[in-house]
């Protein structure tokens, strides 16, 4: 029997919990514009000053909700980590998080807008979100298990690991922003992340390898088990699933045209050869 991960809201101070639960419900129904601090206070049964005492703005609240979502995802993956090759695991991880977000578009568009708001006062919290994705990516690439409640890595990342995970996180989040604006579908995000993963791996000389002799399976098979119970909060993922296309595309789709580029020690050498060749294939272009 699978062990049920505990709610990330447990242990949070009672009024803060009510504020987050109420804001989440409002965001799920009406998106970013529906999350108004006066409405949150009224529906949560607290004074408006109580909300301001705990959160600086509605963006602050939405970022806290997103961080709780990542905590839940980490708990699930610590018990049922991705399997297969290192690159398959990474694309499966980001595909799973994408699915988790996209099945609740109003909420996710609100949280993505909050993360992208550019408020200097929230910079540290936004950085924590991005660093959490980077740490999850590195843990998944290594295939040594995912700690349940910490975004800190067991061992410091290598230069290659850090650059791979950081660049991939930038690409993934830019695709989420495009999705929130109606420019990309969830399926397109998965396809382009698969392409980006293999392009970056080739550029950084990361070999595709198996870490464990475990069968390759998709994390989307966990979708039915990922939702929090009604007693925990409205922080739950819809049990629908996205199409799971095979990410193992043909090798020639990921070939970098400029074979002179080498990243043995420094992935960004300061010389003329670091610039991509003008003959680079179309699927390696920035999307």
Foldseek 3Di string as FASTA:
>chain_A
DADADDQLLPPPPPLLSLLLQQQLVQQLVAAQVSRDLVVSCVVSVHDSVVVCVPAVGSLRSLLVLVVSLLLLVLQVCLRVPAFDWLLLSLLLSLLVVLQQLVQRLSSNLNNLCSLVVPDPVCVVSSVVVLLLQLLSSLCSSLVPGGDNGDSDHPDDDAPLSNVLSNVLSVLLSVVSNCVNVVNDDSVRSSQLSLLSNLLSCVLQVNDTDGPDPDDGDHPLVCLVSRADDVVSHRSGGDSDGDDDDDSPDDPVSRDQPLPVRHPPPNSQDPDPSNDGDPPGDPSPDRD
